[in-house]
Amino acid sequence: MSTITIRNIQPGDNAALAVIIRNSLAEFGANKPGTVFFDPTTDALYELFQTPGSVYFIAEEEGKLLGGGGIFPTEGLPNKTCELVKMYLHKDARGKGLGKRMIEECLHWAKANGYEQVYLETMPELKQALKVYELFGFEYLNGPLGNSGHFGCDRWMLKEL
């Protein structure tokens, strides 16, 4: 893992990142309406993450983009709450602790930037991710918070920072 760097998203990352996100969802059968698979912002993540109160981190190894994840101030969330969003890794980068490292980076950034809670939306098809979120202390909610527009997600979780 020492050769893997984590950095902020750059404009040139958009296309490769969109491929990783869509391939990941398709791999797990989660490429359905109401998810980031069909969200037009998936093709313009650099632009999306210029929103104040947001950040998107890229994991990279020797110039190869491995995936990313971010924090976003999703509309309609409670005060001092952000959303952990678009956390996807290339299939060859999974199972090596990189996802945990990315989540830690996002949670650290959220806390350092004044957020007190982190919310996320996901799907049962992404079983391995659910386990990781549980290990981080995310707790299940009975329904969604905010207005992400991702009606295809039916697992909602929240973590106090």
Protein backbone atom coordinates (compact mmCIF):
# COMPACT_ATOMS: atom_id res chain seq x y z
CA MET A 1 0.00 0.00 0.00
CA SER A 2 2.97 2.35 0.38
CA THR A 3 2.99 3.09 -3.36
CA ILE A 4 -0.67 4.13 -3.34
CA THR A 5 -1.28 7.83 -3.00
CA ILE A 6 -4.50 9.58 -2.09
CA ARG A 7 -5.06 13.00 -3.60
CA ASN A 8 -7.87 15.38 -4.49
CA ILE A 9 -9.77 14.84 -7.73
CA GLN A 10 -8.50 16.60 -10.87
CA PRO A 11 -10.38 17.39 -14.11
CA GLY A 12 -8.59 14.62 -16.00
CA ASP A 13 -9.92 11.97 -13.60
CA ASN A 14 -13.56 12.19 -14.72
CA ALA A 15 -13.61 9.62 -17.53
CA ALA A 16 -11.59 6.89 -15.78
CA LEU A 17 -13.55 7.33 -12.56
CA ALA A 18 -16.91 7.09 -14.33
CA VAL A 19 -15.77 3.76 -15.85
CA ILE A 20 -14.74 2.39 -12.44
CA ILE A 21 -18.06 3.42 -10.87
CA ARG A 22 -20.23 1.99 -13.63
CA ASN A 23 -18.19 -1.22 -13.96
CA SER A 24 -18.38 -1.77 -10.19
CA LEU A 25 -22.15 -1.36 -10.13
CA ALA A 26 -22.58 -3.64 -13.15
CA GLU A 27 -20.29 -6.27 -11.60
CA PHE A 28 -22.57 -6.54 -8.55
CA GLY A 29 -25.85 -6.26 -10.46
CA ALA A 30 -26.52 -2.82 -9.02
CA ASN A 31 -26.59 -0.94 -12.33
CA LYS A 32 -30.20 0.09 -11.96
CA PRO A 33 -32.21 3.32 -12.30
CA GLY A 34 -32.01 5.65 -9.33
CA THR A 35 -28.30 4.98 -8.72
CA VAL A 36 -25.10 6.78 -9.69
CA PHE A 37 -24.92 4.42 -12.69
CA PHE A 38 -27.45 6.66 -14.46
CA ASP A 39 -26.62 9.91 -12.64
CA PRO A 40 -25.21 12.45 -15.14
CA THR A 41 -22.90 13.87 -12.45
CA THR A 42 -20.96 10.57 -12.57
CA ASP A 43 -19.35 11.86 -15.76
CA ALA A 44 -18.44 15.23 -14.20
CA LEU A 45 -17.27 14.46 -10.68
CA TYR A 46 -14.50 17.05 -10.69
CA GLU A 47 -17.07 19.76 -11.42
CA LEU A 48 -19.54 18.39 -8.85
CA PHE A 49 -16.93 18.38 -6.12
CA GLN A 50 -16.19 22.08 -6.54
CA THR A 51 -19.30 22.56 -4.36
CA PRO A 52 -18.40 24.21 -1.05
CA GLY A 53 -18.36 21.70 1.82
CA SER A 54 -17.41 18.81 -0.45
CA VAL A 55 -14.26 16.87 -1.26
CA TYR A 56 -13.44 13.90 -3.47
CA PHE A 57 -10.34 11.79 -2.98
CA ILE A 58 -8.66 9.69 -5.65
CA ALA A 59 -6.55 6.61 -4.92
CA GLU A 60 -3.76 6.22 -7.44
CA GLU A 61 -0.81 3.89 -7.92
CA GLU A 62 1.99 4.74 -10.33
CA GLY A 63 -0.33 6.99 -12.32
CA LYS A 64 -3.17 4.44 -12.49
CA LEU A 65 -6.47 5.53 -11.00
CA LEU A 66 -7.74 2.86 -8.57
CA GLY A 67 -10.94 4.53 -7.42
CA GLY A 68 -12.25 7.23 -5.17
CA GLY A 69 -14.70 8.43 -2.59
CA GLY A 70 -15.96 11.69 -1.24
CA ILE A 71 -17.97 13.83 1.11
CA PHE A 72 -20.86 15.92 -0.15
CA PRO A 73 -23.29 18.34 1.55
CA THR A 74 -26.38 16.68 0.08
CA GLU A 75 -29.43 18.92 -0.04
CA GLY A 76 -31.94 18.36 2.75
CA LEU A 77 -29.61 16.63 5.21
CA PRO A 78 -29.77 17.71 8.87
CA ASN A 79 -27.47 20.51 10.00
CA LYS A 80 -23.78 19.52 10.26
CA THR A 81 -24.46 16.28 8.34
CA CYS A 82 -22.73 15.33 5.09
CA GLU A 83 -22.97 12.29 2.85
CA LEU A 84 -20.25 9.75 2.09
CA VAL A 85 -20.63 9.39 -1.66
CA LYS A 86 -19.37 7.60 -4.75
CA MET A 87 -17.01 5.27 -2.88
CA TYR A 88 -15.87 2.85 -5.58
CA LEU A 89 -12.67 0.94 -6.28
CA HIS A 90 -11.46 -0.89 -9.37
CA LYS A 91 -11.95 -4.63 -8.85
CA ASP A 92 -8.17 -5.22 -8.77
CA ALA A 93 -7.80 -2.71 -5.90
CA ARG A 94 -10.36 -4.35 -3.59
CA GLY A 95 -9.61 -6.57 -0.62
CA LYS A 96 -6.35 -4.83 0.24
CA GLY A 97 -7.56 -2.33 2.85
CA LEU A 98 -7.74 0.57 0.40
CA GLY A 99 -11.49 1.05 0.88
CA LYS A 100 -10.99 1.40 4.63
CA ARG A 101 -8.17 3.87 4.06
CA MET A 102 -10.40 5.93 1.74
CA ILE A 103 -13.28 5.95 4.23
CA GLU A 104 -10.89 7.02 7.01
CA GLU A 105 -9.67 9.89 4.82
CA CYS A 106 -13.25 11.01 4.13
CA LEU A 107 -14.34 10.78 7.78
CA HIS A 108 -11.26 12.68 8.94
CA TRP A 109 -11.92 15.43 6.38
CA ALA A 110 -15.61 15.62 7.37
CA LYS A 111 -14.80 16.03 11.06
CA ALA A 112 -12.02 18.56 10.37
CA ASN A 113 -14.51 20.59 8.31
CA GLY A 114 -17.17 20.85 11.00
CA TYR A 115 -19.48 17.97 10.18
CA GLU A 116 -20.87 16.00 13.13
CA GLN A 117 -22.62 13.17 11.27
CA VAL A 118 -21.98 11.25 8.07
CA TYR A 119 -24.85 9.69 6.16
CA LEU A 120 -24.68 7.20 3.30
CA GLU A 121 -26.99 5.37 0.92
CA THR A 122 -26.25 1.98 -0.57
CA MET A 123 -27.83 -1.26 -1.77
CA PRO A 124 -27.92 -4.86 -0.57
CA GLU A 125 -26.08 -5.92 -3.74
CA LEU A 126 -22.96 -4.24 -2.32
CA LYS A 127 -22.67 -6.70 0.59
CA GLN A 128 -18.96 -6.24 1.19
CA ALA A 129 -19.34 -2.48 1.44
CA LEU A 130 -22.16 -2.89 3.97
CA LYS A 131 -19.86 -4.93 6.20
CA VAL A 132 -17.14 -2.28 6.02
CA TYR A 133 -19.59 0.52 6.87
CA GLU A 134 -20.82 -1.49 9.86
CA LEU A 135 -17.22 -1.90 11.08
CA PHE A 136 -16.82 1.89 10.93
CA GLY A 137 -19.83 2.30 13.20
CA PHE A 138 -22.44 3.32 10.67
CA GLU A 139 -25.91 2.38 11.94
CA TYR A 140 -28.90 1.49 9.79
CA LEU A 141 -31.80 3.93 9.44
CA ASN A 142 -35.41 3.12 8.62
CA GLY A 143 -35.53 5.53 5.69
CA PRO A 144 -33.54 8.05 3.69
CA LEU A 145 -32.33 11.47 4.77
CA GLY A 146 -31.92 14.41 2.43
CA ASN A 147 -32.60 14.59 -1.27
CA SER A 148 -29.90 12.66 -3.13
CA GLY A 149 -32.29 11.59 -5.88
CA HIS A 150 -30.94 8.03 -5.65
CA PHE A 151 -34.23 6.19 -5.20
CA GLY A 152 -32.51 2.94 -6.26
CA CYS A 153 -30.69 2.82 -2.92
CA ASP A 154 -32.65 1.15 -0.14
CA ARG A 155 -30.06 0.90 2.64
CA TRP A 156 -29.44 4.07 4.62
CA MET A 157 -26.83 4.49 7.35
CA LEU A 158 -25.61 7.22 9.69
CA LYS A 159 -22.48 7.67 11.79
CA GLU A 160 -21.78 10.18 14.53
CA LEU A 161 -18.31 11.70 14.29
